């Protein structure tokens, strides 16, 4: 049974930082590209960042570029999202997702095979 478990969310003031983690089990982690998405209340789930199986290819949404860093440790079956310079508009539930093989259509949530349960990030002004 595949499980993706996010952690590291919380309440932070604007300008602060958080590091999200997503621990994967039940799948061959190094065969999967990984992504982070987020969903704010009343809004669609949106792409944040994605990383290839090797970590050699990375994509960011415009809102994340320059502030967020995605990384992975295949030895630990874990993907991370370091978030710096947080803004109130970053407030959302953050989800990690696994996509078998490559990063084709990395920005489409419909192309991911497995999802975590999400972790809440709240940024106060």
PDB file of N, CA and C in Angstrom:
ATOM      1  N   UNK A   1       0.845  -1.196   0.000  1.00  0.00           N
ATOM      2  CA  UNK A   1       0.000   0.000   0.000  1.00  0.00           C
ATOM      3  C   UNK A   1       0.878   1.243   0.000  1.00  0.00           C
ATOM      4  N   UNK A   2       0.616   2.088  -0.969  1.00  0.00           N
ATOM      5  CA  UNK A   2       1.407   3.311  -1.097  1.00  0.00           C
ATOM      6  C   UNK A   2       0.921   4.348  -0.082  1.00  0.00           C
ATOM      7  N   UNK A   3       1.872   4.959   0.591  1.00  0.00           N
ATOM      8  CA  UNK A   3       1.556   6.045   1.520  1.00  0.00           C
ATOM      9  C   UNK A   3       2.523   7.199   1.294  1.00  0.00           C
ATOM     10  N   UNK A   4       1.971   8.391   1.257  1.00  0.00           N
ATOM     11  CA  UNK A   4       2.751   9.622   1.260  1.00  0.00           C
ATOM     12  C   UNK A   4       2.299  10.412   2.476  1.00  0.00           C
ATOM     13  N   UNK A   5       3.231  10.725   3.351  1.00  0.00           N
ATOM     14  CA  UNK A   5       2.883  11.392   4.602  1.00  0.00           C
ATOM     15  C   UNK A   5       3.647  12.706   4.702  1.00  0.00           C
ATOM     16  N   UNK A   6       2.894  13.802   4.646  1.00  0.00           N
ATOM     17  CA  UNK A   6       3.501  15.127   4.762  1.00  0.00           C
ATOM     18  C   UNK A   6       3.630  15.538   6.221  1.00  0.00           C
ATOM     19  N   UNK A   7       4.614  16.369   6.473  1.00  0.00           N
ATOM     20  CA  UNK A   7       4.797  16.949   7.803  1.00  0.00           C
ATOM     21  C   UNK A   7       5.521  18.273   7.661  1.00  0.00           C
ATOM     22  N   UNK A   8       5.526  19.047   8.751  1.00  0.00           N
ATOM     23  CA  UNK A   8       6.276  20.297   8.758  1.00  0.00           C
ATOM     24  C   UNK A   8       5.455  21.552   8.582  1.00  0.00           C
ATOM     25  N   UNK A   9       4.160  21.396   8.367  1.00  0.00           N
ATOM     26  CA  UNK A   9       3.322  22.576   8.257  1.00  0.00           C
ATOM     27  C   UNK A   9       3.132  23.247   9.601  1.00  0.00           C
ATOM     28  N   UNK A  10       2.507  24.415   9.577  1.00  0.00           N
ATOM     29  CA  UNK A  10       2.252  25.133  10.818  1.00  0.00           C
ATOM     30  C   UNK A  10       1.905  26.576  10.575  1.00  0.00           C
ATOM     31  N   UNK A  11       1.942  27.336  11.645  1.00  0.00           N
ATOM     32  CA  UNK A  11       1.649  28.770  11.613  1.00  0.00           C
ATOM     33  C   UNK A  11       2.955  29.545  11.675  1.00  0.00           C
ATOM     34  N   UNK A  12       3.116  30.480  10.748  1.00  0.00           N
ATOM     35  CA  UNK A  12       4.343  31.266  10.692  1.00  0.00           C
ATOM     36  C   UNK A  12       3.995  32.692  10.305  1.00  0.00           C
ATOM     37  N   UNK A  13       4.790  33.627  10.755  1.00  0.00           N
ATOM     38  CA  UNK A  13       4.577  35.022  10.385  1.00  0.00           C
ATOM     39  C   UNK A  13       5.107  35.276   8.980  1.00  0.00           C
ATOM     40  N   UNK A  14       4.549  36.284   8.350  1.00  0.00           N
ATOM     41  CA  UNK A  14       5.023  36.681   7.022  1.00  0.00           C
ATOM     42  C   UNK A  14       6.532  36.947   7.061  1.00  0.00           C
ATOM     43  N   UNK A  15       7.215  36.449   6.055  1.00  0.00           N
ATOM     44  CA  UNK A  15       8.657  36.561   5.988  1.00  0.00           C
ATOM     45  C   UNK A  15       9.389  35.375   6.579  1.00  0.00           C
ATOM     46  N   UNK A  16       8.665  34.527   7.265  1.00  0.00           N
ATOM     47  CA  UNK A  16       9.276  33.368   7.895  1.00  0.00           C
ATOM     48  C   UNK A  16       9.481  32.211   6.939  1.00  0.00           C
ATOM     49  N   UNK A  17       9.943  31.097   7.513  1.00  0.00           N
ATOM     50  CA  UNK A  17      10.283  29.918   6.722  1.00  0.00           C
ATOM     51  C   UNK A  17       9.668  28.667   7.326  1.00  0.00           C
ATOM     52  N   UNK A  18       9.413  27.708   6.466  1.00  0.00           N
ATOM     53  CA  UNK A  18       8.998  26.373   6.866  1.00  0.00           C
ATOM     54  C   UNK A  18       9.639  25.375   5.926  1.00  0.00           C
ATOM     55  N   UNK A  19       9.871  24.175   6.444  1.00  0.00           N
ATOM     56  CA  UNK A  19      10.361  23.086   5.613  1.00  0.00           C
ATOM     57  C   UNK A  19       9.381  21.935   5.696  1.00  0.00           C
ATOM     58  N   UNK A  20       8.743  21.640   4.584  1.00  0.00           N
ATOM     59  CA  UNK A  20       7.824  20.520   4.511  1.00  0.00           C
ATOM     60  C   UNK A  20       8.588  19.263   4.097  1.00  0.00           C
ATOM     61  N   UNK A  21       8.152  18.144   4.645  1.00  0.00           N
ATOM     62  CA  UNK A  21       8.702  16.846   4.283  1.00  0.00           C
ATOM     63  C   UNK A  21       7.570  15.934   3.838  1.00  0.00           C
ATOM     64  N   UNK A  22       7.895  15.008   2.969  1.00  0.00           N
ATOM     65  CA  UNK A  22       6.920  14.008   2.517  1.00  0.00           C
ATOM     66  C   UNK A  22       7.645  12.674   2.465  1.00  0.00           C
ATOM     67  N   UNK A  23       7.257  11.792   3.369  1.00  0.00           N
ATOM     68  CA  UNK A  23       7.871  10.466   3.437  1.00  0.00           C
ATOM     69  C   UNK A  23       7.011   9.473   2.670  1.00  0.00           C
ATOM     70  N   UNK A  24       7.644   8.751   1.762  1.00  0.00           N
ATOM     71  CA  UNK A  24       6.932   7.803   0.907  1.00  0.00           C
ATOM     72  C   UNK A  24       7.244   6.373   1.312  1.00  0.00           C
ATOM     73  N   UNK A  25       6.242   5.532   1.188  1.00  0.00           N
ATOM     74  CA  UNK A  25       6.428   4.105   1.429  1.00  0.00           C
ATOM     75  C   UNK A  25       5.518   3.326   0.497  1.00  0.00           C
ATOM     76  N   UNK A  26       5.891   2.062   0.261  1.00  0.00           N
ATOM     77  CA  UNK A  26       5.067   1.198  -0.568  1.00  0.00           C
ATOM     78  C   UNK A  26       5.237   1.376  -2.065  1.00  0.00           C
ATOM     79  N   UNK A  27       6.239   2.142  -2.461  1.00  0.00           N
ATOM     80  CA  UNK A  27       6.519   2.321  -3.879  1.00  0.00           C
ATOM     81  C   UNK A  27       8.016   2.418  -4.088  1.00  0.00           C
ATOM     82  N   UNK A  28       8.420   2.203  -5.321  1.00  0.00           N
ATOM     83  CA  UNK A  28       9.825   2.336  -5.666  1.00  0.00           C
ATOM     84  C   UNK A  28      10.104   3.818  -5.867  1.00  0.00           C
ATOM     85  N   UNK A  29      10.477   4.463  -4.789  1.00  0.00           N
ATOM     86  CA  UNK A  29      10.527   5.932  -4.754  1.00  0.00           C
ATOM     87  C   UNK A  29      11.375   6.520  -5.871  1.00  0.00           C
ATOM     88  N   UNK A  30      12.498   5.913  -6.157  1.00  0.00           N
ATOM     89  CA  UNK A  30      13.396   6.480  -7.157  1.00  0.00           C
ATOM     90  C   UNK A  30      12.874   6.325  -8.579  1.00  0.00           C
ATOM     91  N   UNK A  31      11.729   5.668  -8.746  1.00  0.00           N
ATOM     92  CA  UNK A  31      11.107   5.550 -10.059  1.00  0.00           C
ATOM     93  C   UNK A  31      10.052   6.623 -10.300  1.00  0.00           C
ATOM     94  N   UNK A  32       9.849   7.453  -9.305  1.00  0.00           N
ATOM     95  CA  UNK A  32       8.767   8.433  -9.365  1.00  0.00           C
ATOM     96  C   UNK A  32       9.295   9.861  -9.334  1.00  0.00           C
ATOM     97  N   UNK A  33       8.748  10.682 -10.220  1.00  0.00           N
ATOM     98  CA  UNK A  33       8.871  12.116 -10.051  1.00  0.00           C
ATOM     99  C   UNK A  33       7.956  12.529  -8.903  1.00  0.00           C
ATOM    100  N   UNK A  34       8.309  13.587  -8.237  1.00  0.00           N
ATOM    101  CA  UNK A  34       7.525  14.045  -7.087  1.00  0.00           C
ATOM    102  C   UNK A  34       7.140  15.506  -7.262  1.00  0.00           C
ATOM    103  N   UNK A  35       5.960  15.823  -6.767  1.00  0.00           N
ATOM    104  CA  UNK A  35       5.491  17.195  -6.879  1.00  0.00           C
ATOM    105  C   UNK A  35       4.880  17.685  -5.583  1.00  0.00           C
ATOM    106  N   UNK A  36       4.842  18.989  -5.459  1.00  0.00           N
ATOM    107  CA  UNK A  36       4.119  19.650  -4.379  1.00  0.00           C
ATOM    108  C   UNK A  36       3.019  20.508  -5.004  1.00  0.00           C
ATOM    109  N   UNK A  37       1.846  20.410  -4.437  1.00  0.00           N
ATOM    110  CA  UNK A  37       0.704  21.223  -4.835  1.00  0.00           C
ATOM    111  C   UNK A  37       0.147  21.882  -3.573  1.00  0.00           C
ATOM    112  N   UNK A  38      -0.708  22.866  -3.774  1.00  0.00           N
ATOM    113  CA  UNK A  38      -1.364  23.477  -2.623  1.00  0.00           C
ATOM    114  C   UNK A  38      -2.785  23.862  -2.995  1.00  0.00           C
ATOM    115  N   UNK A  39      -3.610  23.944  -1.967  1.00  0.00           N
ATOM    116  CA  UNK A  39      -5.011  24.308  -2.188  1.00  0.00           C
ATOM    117  C   UNK A  39      -5.463  25.222  -1.065  1.00  0.00           C
ATOM    118  N   UNK A  40      -5.816  26.436  -1.444  1.00  0.00           N
ATOM    119  CA  UNK A  40      -6.366  27.403  -0.500  1.00  0.00           C
ATOM    120  C   UNK A  40      -7.885  27.257  -0.480  1.00  0.00           C
ATOM    121  N   UNK A  41      -8.527  27.692   0.598  1.00  0.00           N
ATOM    122  CA  UNK A  41      -9.985  27.573   0.694  1.00  0.00           C
ATOM    123  C   UNK A  41     -10.686  28.233  -0.495  1.00  0.00           C
ATOM    124  N   UNK A  42     -11.589  27.503  -1.096  1.00  0.00           N
ATOM    125  CA  UNK A  42     -12.357  28.031  -2.203  1.00  0.00           C
ATOM    126  C   UNK A  42     -11.618  28.104  -3.522  1.00  0.00           C
ATOM    127  N   UNK A  43     -10.413  27.562  -3.567  1.00  0.00           N
ATOM    128  CA  UNK A  43      -9.620  27.633  -4.795  1.00  0.00           C
ATOM    129  C   UNK A  43      -9.259  26.230  -5.277  1.00  0.00           C
ATOM    130  N   UNK A  44      -8.870  26.177  -6.546  1.00  0.00           N
ATOM    131  CA  UNK A  44      -8.421  24.919  -7.121  1.00  0.00           C
ATOM    132  C   UNK A  44      -7.044  24.538  -6.564  1.00  0.00           C
ATOM    133  N   UNK A  45      -6.776  23.245  -6.582  1.00  0.00           N
ATOM    134  CA  UNK A  45      -5.446  22.785  -6.215  1.00  0.00           C
ATOM    135  C   UNK A  45      -4.461  23.220  -7.299  1.00  0.00           C
ATOM    136  N   UNK A  46      -3.370  23.826  -6.890  1.00  0.00           N
ATOM    137  CA  UNK A  46      -2.430  24.371  -7.858  1.00  0.00           C
ATOM    138  C   UNK A  46      -1.027  23.826  -7.670  1.00  0.00           C
ATOM    139  N   UNK A  47      -0.322  23.763  -8.776  1.00  0.00           N
ATOM    140  CA  UNK A  47       1.046  23.274  -8.794  1.00  0.00           C
ATOM    141  C   UNK A  47       1.979  24.251  -8.094  1.00  0.00           C
ATOM    142  N   UNK A  48       2.940  23.701  -7.345  1.00  0.00           N
ATOM    143  CA  UNK A  48       3.945  24.516  -6.682  1.00  0.00           C
ATOM    144  C   UNK A  48       5.346  24.194  -7.206  1.00  0.00           C
ATOM    145  N   UNK A  49       5.714  22.904  -7.182  1.00  0.00           N
ATOM    146  CA  UNK A  49       7.064  22.518  -7.604  1.00  0.00           C
ATOM    147  C   UNK A  49       7.074  21.034  -7.935  1.00  0.00           C
ATOM    148  N   UNK A  50       8.021  20.633  -8.776  1.00  0.00           N
ATOM    149  CA  UNK A  50       8.178  19.223  -9.121  1.00  0.00           C
ATOM    150  C   UNK A  50       9.653  18.916  -9.313  1.00  0.00           C
ATOM    151  N   UNK A  51       9.995  17.655  -9.072  1.00  0.00           N
ATOM    152  CA  UNK A  51      11.388  17.228  -9.176  1.00  0.00           C
ATOM    153  C   UNK A  51      11.421  15.846  -9.812  1.00  0.00           C
ATOM    154  N   UNK A  52      12.367  15.639 -10.701  1.00  0.00           N
ATOM    155  CA  UNK A  52      12.493  14.350 -11.374  1.00  0.00           C
ATOM    156  C   UNK A  52      13.006  13.282 -10.417  1.00  0.00           C
ATOM    157  N   UNK A  53      12.984  12.045 -10.875  1.00  0.00           N
ATOM    158  CA  UNK A  53      13.375  10.940 -10.005  1.00  0.00           C
ATOM    159  C   UNK A  53      14.813  11.088  -9.506  1.00  0.00           C
ATOM    160  N   UNK A  54      15.656  11.660 -10.353  1.00  0.00           N
ATOM    161  CA  UNK A  54      17.063  11.802  -9.978  1.00  0.00           C
ATOM    162  C   UNK A  54      17.350  13.105  -9.248  1.00  0.00           C
ATOM    163  N   UNK A  55      16.393  14.020  -9.303  1.00  0.00           N
ATOM    164  CA  UNK A  55      16.631  15.345  -8.742  1.00  0.00           C
ATOM    165  C   UNK A  55      17.295  16.295  -9.712  1.00  0.00           C
ATOM    166  N   UNK A  56      17.554  15.819 -10.920  1.00  0.00           N
ATOM    167  CA  UNK A  56      18.289  16.634 -11.873  1.00  0.00           C
ATOM    168  C   UNK A  56      17.446  17.638 -12.635  1.00  0.00           C
ATOM    169  N   UNK A  57      16.141  17.442 -12.618  1.00  0.00           N
ATOM    170  CA  UNK A  57      15.235  18.377 -13.306  1.00  0.00           C
ATOM    171  C   UNK A  57      14.220  18.877 -12.286  1.00  0.00           C
ATOM    172  N   UNK A  58      14.063  20.171 -12.233  1.00  0.00           N
ATOM    173  CA  UNK A  58      13.170  20.806 -11.263  1.00  0.00           C
ATOM    174  C   UNK A  58      12.352  21.881 -11.965  1.00  0.00           C
ATOM    175  N   UNK A  59      11.090  21.965 -11.594  1.00  0.00           N
ATOM    176  CA  UNK A  59      10.211  23.015 -12.096  1.00  0.00           C
ATOM    177  C   UNK A  59       9.514  23.693 -10.921  1.00  0.00           C
ATOM    178  N   UNK A  60       9.278  24.985 -11.078  1.00  0.00           N
ATOM    179  CA  UNK A  60       8.550  25.752 -10.069  1.00  0.00           C
ATOM    180  C   UNK A  60       7.433  26.552 -10.720  1.00  0.00           C
ATOM    181  N   UNK A  61       6.363  26.739  -9.958  1.00  0.00           N
ATOM    182  CA  UNK A  61       5.368  27.724 -10.343  1.00  0.00           C
ATOM    183  C   UNK A  61       5.979  29.107 -10.163  1.00  0.00           C
ATOM    184  N   UNK A  62       5.439  30.066 -10.908  1.00  0.00           N
ATOM    185  CA  UNK A  62       5.967  31.408 -10.800  1.00  0.00           C
ATOM    186  C   UNK A  62       5.917  31.961  -9.395  1.00  0.00           C
ATOM    187  N   UNK A  63       4.882  31.603  -8.660  1.00  0.00           N
ATOM    188  CA  UNK A  63       4.712  32.097  -7.299  1.00  0.00           C
ATOM    189  C   UNK A  63       5.755  31.539  -6.339  1.00  0.00           C
ATOM    190  N   UNK A  64       6.366  30.415  -6.697  1.00  0.00           N
ATOM    191  CA  UNK A  64       7.333  29.751  -5.835  1.00  0.00           C
ATOM    192  C   UNK A  64       8.782  30.056  -6.214  1.00  0.00           C
ATOM    193  N   UNK A  65       8.978  30.447  -7.426  1.00  0.00           N
ATOM    194  CA  UNK A  65      10.335  30.638  -7.922  1.00  0.00           C
ATOM    195  C   UNK A  65      11.072  31.695  -7.121  1.00  0.00           C
ATOM    196  N   UNK A  66      12.276  31.359  -6.690  1.00  0.00           N
ATOM    197  CA  UNK A  66      13.095  32.284  -5.925  1.00  0.00           C
ATOM    198  C   UNK A  66      12.855  32.252  -4.428  1.00  0.00           C
ATOM    199  N   UNK A  67      11.761  31.627  -4.007  1.00  0.00           N
ATOM    200  CA  UNK A  67      11.454  31.553  -2.571  1.00  0.00           C
ATOM    201  C   UNK A  67      11.415  30.127  -2.052  1.00  0.00           C
ATOM    202  N   UNK A  68      10.962  29.197  -2.890  1.00  0.00           N
ATOM    203  CA  UNK A  68      10.821  27.800  -2.480  1.00  0.00           C
ATOM    204  C   UNK A  68      11.890  26.953  -3.161  1.00  0.00           C
ATOM    205  N   UNK A  69      12.297  25.882  -2.465  1.00  0.00           N
ATOM    206  CA  UNK A  69      13.257  24.940  -3.027  1.00  0.00           C
ATOM    207  C   UNK A  69      12.769  23.523  -2.785  1.00  0.00           C
ATOM    208  N   UNK A  70      12.629  22.775  -3.864  1.00  0.00           N
ATOM    209  CA  UNK A  70      12.247  21.372  -3.762  1.00  0.00           C
ATOM    210  C   UNK A  70      13.520  20.531  -3.845  1.00  0.00           C
ATOM    211  N   UNK A  71      13.561  19.458  -3.056  1.00  0.00           N
ATOM    212  CA  UNK A  71      14.697  18.543  -3.089  1.00  0.00           C
ATOM    213  C   UNK A  71      14.208  17.164  -2.687  1.00  0.00           C
ATOM    214  N   UNK A  72      15.040  16.171  -2.898  1.00  0.00           N
ATOM    215  CA  UNK A  72      14.658  14.811  -2.521  1.00  0.00           C
ATOM    216  C   UNK A  72      15.883  14.049  -2.066  1.00  0.00           C
ATOM    217  N   UNK A  73      15.619  13.055  -1.222  1.00  0.00           N
ATOM    218  CA  UNK A  73      16.648  12.143  -0.751  1.00  0.00           C
ATOM    219  C   UNK A  73      16.127  10.738  -1.018  1.00  0.00           C
ATOM    220  N   UNK A  74      16.609  10.125  -2.074  1.00  0.00           N
ATOM    221  CA  UNK A  74      16.100   8.808  -2.454  1.00  0.00           C
ATOM    222  C   UNK A  74      16.488   7.729  -1.446  1.00  0.00           C
ATOM    223  N   UNK A  75      17.551   7.944  -0.707  1.00  0.00           N
ATOM    224  CA  UNK A  75      17.943   6.980   0.328  1.00  0.00           C
ATOM    225  C   UNK A  75      16.946   6.984   1.484  1.00  0.00           C
ATOM    226  N   UNK A  76      16.273   8.112   1.665  1.00  0.00           N
ATOM    227  CA  UNK A  76      15.293   8.238   2.761  1.00  0.00           C
ATOM    228  C   UNK A  76      13.858   8.214   2.256  1.00  0.00           C
ATOM    229  N   UNK A  77      13.677   8.042   0.946  1.00  0.00           N
ATOM    230  CA  UNK A  77      12.325   8.029   0.357  1.00  0.00           C
ATOM    231  C   UNK A  77      11.539   9.274   0.755  1.00  0.00           C
ATOM    232  N   UNK A  78      12.204  10.409   0.707  1.00  0.00           N
ATOM    233  CA  UNK A  78      11.591  11.642   1.187  1.00  0.00           C
ATOM    234  C   UNK A  78      11.835  12.785   0.201  1.00  0.00           C
ATOM    235  N   UNK A  79      10.812  13.592   0.036  1.00  0.00           N
ATOM    236  CA  UNK A  79      10.916  14.820  -0.749  1.00  0.00           C
ATOM    237  C   UNK A  79      10.631  15.994   0.185  1.00  0.00           C
ATOM    238  N   UNK A  80      11.302  17.103  -0.070  1.00  0.00           N
ATOM    239  CA  UNK A  80      11.216  18.271   0.794  1.00  0.00           C
ATOM    240  C   UNK A  80      10.769  19.499   0.004  1.00  0.00           C
ATOM    241  N   UNK A  81      10.197  20.434   0.733  1.00  0.00           N
ATOM    242  CA  UNK A  81       9.911  21.749   0.165  1.00  0.00           C
ATOM    243  C   UNK A  81      10.324  22.789   1.194  1.00  0.00           C
ATOM    244  N   UNK A  82      11.429  23.453   0.918  1.00  0.00           N
ATOM    245  CA  UNK A  82      11.891  24.541   1.769  1.00  0.00           C
ATOM    246  C   UNK A  82      11.219  25.821   1.300  1.00  0.00           C
ATOM    247  N   UNK A  83      10.522  26.475   2.193  1.00  0.00           N
ATOM    248  CA  UNK A  83       9.772  27.673   1.842  1.00  0.00           C
ATOM    249  C   UNK A  83      10.305  28.851   2.657  1.00  0.00           C
ATOM    250  N   UNK A  84      10.833  29.822   1.979  1.00  0.00           N
ATOM    251  CA  UNK A  84      11.362  31.026   2.604  1.00  0.00           C
ATOM    252  C   UNK A  84      10.555  32.238   2.153  1.00  0.00           C
ATOM    253  N   UNK A  85      10.658  33.304   2.910  1.00  0.00           N
ATOM    254  CA  UNK A  85       9.947  34.512   2.530  1.00  0.00           C
ATOM    255  C   UNK A  85       8.460  34.314   2.376  1.00  0.00           C
ATOM    256  N   UNK A  86       7.877  33.592   3.305  1.00  0.00           N
ATOM    257  CA  UNK A  86       6.455  33.248   3.179  1.00  0.00           C
ATOM    258  C   UNK A  86       5.567  34.478   3.237  1.00  0.00           C
ATOM    259  N   UNK A  87       4.483  34.414   2.489  1.00  0.00           N
ATOM    260  CA  UNK A  87       3.510  35.494   2.391  1.00  0.00           C
ATOM    261  C   UNK A  87       2.139  34.978   2.799  1.00  0.00           C
ATOM    262  N   UNK A  88       1.256  35.858   3.236  1.00  0.00           N
ATOM    263  CA  UNK A  88      -0.100  35.395   3.602  1.00  0.00           C
ATOM    264  C   UNK A  88      -0.784  34.633   2.468  1.00  0.00           C
ATOM    265  N   UNK A  89      -0.508  34.986   1.238  1.00  0.00           N
ATOM    266  CA  UNK A  89      -1.137  34.290   0.110  1.00  0.00           C
ATOM    267  C   UNK A  89      -0.582  32.888  -0.109  1.00  0.00           C
ATOM    268  N   UNK A  90       0.441  32.501   0.638  1.00  0.00           N
ATOM    269  CA  UNK A  90       0.932  31.124   0.594  1.00  0.00           C
ATOM    270  C   UNK A  90       0.110  30.204   1.502  1.00  0.00           C
ATOM    271  N   UNK A  91      -0.798  30.779   2.264  1.00  0.00           N
ATOM    272  CA  UNK A  91      -1.632  29.986   3.158  1.00  0.00           C
ATOM    273  C   UNK A  91      -2.465  28.998   2.358  1.00  0.00           C
ATOM    274  N   UNK A  92      -2.338  27.717   2.710  1.00  0.00           N
ATOM    275  CA  UNK A  92      -3.028  26.648   1.982  1.00  0.00           C
ATOM    276  C   UNK A  92      -2.715  25.315   2.645  1.00  0.00           C
ATOM    277  N   UNK A  93      -3.416  24.298   2.210  1.00  0.00           N
ATOM    278  CA  UNK A  93      -3.015  22.928   2.519  1.00  0.00           C
ATOM    279  C   UNK A  93      -2.046  22.498   1.424  1.00  0.00           C
ATOM    280  N   UNK A  94      -0.912  22.004   1.821  1.00  0.00           N
ATOM    281  CA  UNK A  94       0.127  21.577   0.885  1.00  0.00           C
ATOM    282  C   UNK A  94       0.133  20.058   0.788  1.00  0.00           C
ATOM    283  N   UNK A  95       0.139  19.585  -0.452  1.00  0.00           N
ATOM    284  CA  UNK A  95       0.100  18.159  -0.731  1.00  0.00           C
ATOM    285  C   UNK A  95       1.343  17.742  -1.513  1.00  0.00           C
ATOM    286  N   UNK A  96       1.881  16.575  -1.176  1.00  0.00           N
ATOM    287  CA  UNK A  96       2.884  16.004  -2.059  1.00  0.00           C
ATOM    288  C   UNK A  96       2.215  14.927  -2.899  1.00  0.00           C
ATOM    289  N   UNK A  97       2.799  14.669  -4.050  1.00  0.00           N
ATOM    290  CA  UNK A  97       2.238  13.719  -4.987  1.00  0.00           C
ATOM    291  C   UNK A  97       3.354  13.012  -5.739  1.00  0.00           C
ATOM    292  N   UNK A  98       3.091  11.776  -6.136  1.00  0.00           N
ATOM    293  CA  UNK A  98       4.061  10.962  -6.858  1.00  0.00           C
ATOM    294  C   UNK A  98       3.547  10.664  -8.255  1.00  0.00           C
ATOM    295  N   UNK A  99       4.430  10.810  -9.210  1.00  0.00           N
ATOM    296  CA  UNK A  99       4.089  10.590 -10.612  1.00  0.00           C
ATOM    297  C   UNK A  99       5.087   9.594 -11.201  1.00  0.00           C
ATOM    298  N   UNK A 100       4.570   8.457 -11.667  1.00  0.00           N
ATOM    299  CA  UNK A 100       5.472   7.429 -12.165  1.00  0.00           C
ATOM    300  C   UNK A 100       6.245   7.928 -13.372  1.00  0.00           C
ATOM    301  N   UNK A 101       7.510   7.655 -13.356  1.00  0.00           N
ATOM    302  CA  UNK A 101       8.421   7.925 -14.469  1.00  0.00           C
ATOM    303  C   UNK A 101       8.736   9.413 -14.603  1.00  0.00           C
ATOM    304  N   UNK A 102       8.451  10.026 -15.742  1.00  0.00           N
ATOM    305  CA  UNK A 102       8.962  11.345 -16.050  1.00  0.00           C
ATOM    306  C   UNK A 102       8.103  12.498 -15.593  1.00  0.00           C
ATOM    307  N   UNK A 103       8.524  13.680 -16.017  1.00  0.00           N
ATOM    308  CA  UNK A 103       7.883  14.915 -15.595  1.00  0.00           C
ATOM    309  C   UNK A 103       6.953  15.493 -16.663  1.00  0.00           C
ATOM    310  N   UNK A 104       6.530  14.668 -17.599  1.00  0.00           N
ATOM    311  CA  UNK A 104       5.578  15.168 -18.588  1.00  0.00           C
ATOM    312  C   UNK A 104       4.326  15.657 -17.870  1.00  0.00           C
ATOM    313  N   UNK A 105       3.841  16.805 -18.294  1.00  0.00           N
ATOM    314  CA  UNK A 105       2.636  17.388 -17.682  1.00  0.00           C
ATOM    315  C   UNK A 105       2.775  17.513 -16.173  1.00  0.00           C
ATOM    316  N   UNK A 106       3.950  17.925 -15.730  1.00  0.00           N
ATOM    317  CA  UNK A 106       4.237  17.983 -14.295  1.00  0.00           C
ATOM    318  C   UNK A 106       3.296  18.921 -13.553  1.00  0.00           C
ATOM    319  N   UNK A 107       2.742  19.887 -14.251  1.00  0.00           N
ATOM    320  CA  UNK A 107       1.897  20.869 -13.588  1.00  0.00           C
ATOM    321  C   UNK A 107       0.449  20.458 -13.448  1.00  0.00           C
ATOM    322  N   UNK A 108       0.098  19.334 -14.007  1.00  0.00           N
ATOM    323  CA  UNK A 108      -1.290  18.875 -13.979  1.00  0.00           C
ATOM    324  C   UNK A 108      -1.497  17.883 -12.849  1.00  0.00           C
ATOM    325  N   UNK A 109      -2.387  18.228 -11.945  1.00  0.00           N
ATOM    326  CA  UNK A 109      -2.614  17.333 -10.803  1.00  0.00           C
ATOM    327  C   UNK A 109      -3.190  15.992 -11.254  1.00  0.00           C
ATOM    328  N   UNK A 110      -3.807  15.975 -12.418  1.00  0.00           N
ATOM    329  CA  UNK A 110      -4.457  14.750 -12.901  1.00  0.00           C
ATOM    330  C   UNK A 110      -3.439  13.711 -13.355  1.00  0.00           C
ATOM    331  N   UNK A 111      -2.187  14.100 -13.526  1.00  0.00           N
ATOM    332  CA  UNK A 111      -1.176  13.182 -14.023  1.00  0.00           C
ATOM    333  C   UNK A 111      -0.399  12.496 -12.904  1.00  0.00           C
ATOM    334  N   UNK A 112      -0.742  12.782 -11.660  1.00  0.00           N
ATOM    335  CA  UNK A 112      -0.037  12.174 -10.533  1.00  0.00           C
ATOM    336  C   UNK A 112      -0.802  10.955 -10.044  1.00  0.00           C
ATOM    337  N   UNK A 113      -0.048   9.969  -9.627  1.00  0.00           N
ATOM    338  CA  UNK A 113      -0.635   8.674  -9.296  1.00  0.00           C
ATOM    339  C   UNK A 113      -1.026   8.535  -7.828  1.00  0.00           C
ATOM    340  N   UNK A 114      -0.261   9.160  -6.957  1.00  0.00           N
ATOM    341  CA  UNK A 114      -0.521   9.023  -5.525  1.00  0.00           C
ATOM    342  C   UNK A 114      -0.401  10.383  -4.846  1.00  0.00           C
ATOM    343  N   UNK A 115      -1.202  10.543  -3.784  1.00  0.00           N
ATOM    344  CA  UNK A 115      -1.258  11.807  -3.050  1.00  0.00           C
ATOM    345  C   UNK A 115      -1.156  11.566  -1.553  1.00  0.00           C
ATOM    346  N   UNK A 116      -0.565  12.544  -0.870  1.00  0.00           N
ATOM    347  CA  UNK A 116      -0.595  12.545   0.573  1.00  0.00           C
ATOM    348  C   UNK A 116      -1.874  13.177   1.089  1.00  0.00           C
ATOM    349  N   UNK A 117      -1.996  13.237   2.397  1.00  0.00           N
ATOM    350  CA  UNK A 117      -3.218  13.753   3.016  1.00  0.00           C
ATOM    351  C   UNK A 117      -3.174  15.271   3.188  1.00  0.00           C
ATOM    352  N   UNK A 118      -2.000  15.845   3.040  1.00  0.00           N
ATOM    353  CA  UNK A 118      -1.862  17.293   3.123  1.00  0.00           C
ATOM    354  C   UNK A 118      -1.411  17.767   4.490  1.00  0.00           C
ATOM    355  N   UNK A 119      -0.764  18.922   4.496  1.00  0.00           N
ATOM    356  CA  UNK A 119      -0.354  19.578   5.735  1.00  0.00           C
ATOM    357  C   UNK A 119      -0.678  21.061   5.621  1.00  0.00           C
ATOM    358  N   UNK A 120      -1.247  21.625   6.676  1.00  0.00           N
ATOM    359  CA  UNK A 120      -1.698  23.009   6.645  1.00  0.00           C
ATOM    360  C   UNK A 120      -0.532  23.963   6.866  1.00  0.00           C
ATOM    361  N   UNK A 121      -0.461  24.954   6.024  1.00  0.00           N
ATOM    362  CA  UNK A 121       0.491  26.060   6.189  1.00  0.00           C
ATOM    363  C   UNK A 121      -0.320  27.339   6.304  1.00  0.00           C
ATOM    364  N   UNK A 122      -0.113  28.062   7.384  1.00  0.00           N
ATOM    365  CA  UNK A 122      -0.816  29.319   7.603  1.00  0.00           C
ATOM    366  C   UNK A 122       0.210  30.420   7.850  1.00  0.00           C
ATOM    367  N   UNK A 123       0.115  31.460   7.050  1.00  0.00           N
ATOM    368  CA  UNK A 123       1.053  32.580   7.158  1.00  0.00           C
ATOM    369  C   UNK A 123       0.273  33.808   7.600  1.00  0.00           C
ATOM    370  N   UNK A 124       0.635  34.332   8.746  1.00  0.00           N
ATOM    371  CA  UNK A 124      -0.049  35.504   9.284  1.00  0.00           C
ATOM    372  C   UNK A 124       0.664  36.780   8.857  1.00  0.00           C
ATOM    373  N   UNK A 125      -0.126  37.815   8.703  1.00  0.00           N
ATOM    374  CA  UNK A 125       0.447  39.100   8.252  1.00  0.00           C
ATOM    375  C   UNK A 125       0.892  39.952   9.424  1.00  0.00           C
TER     376      UNK A 125
END
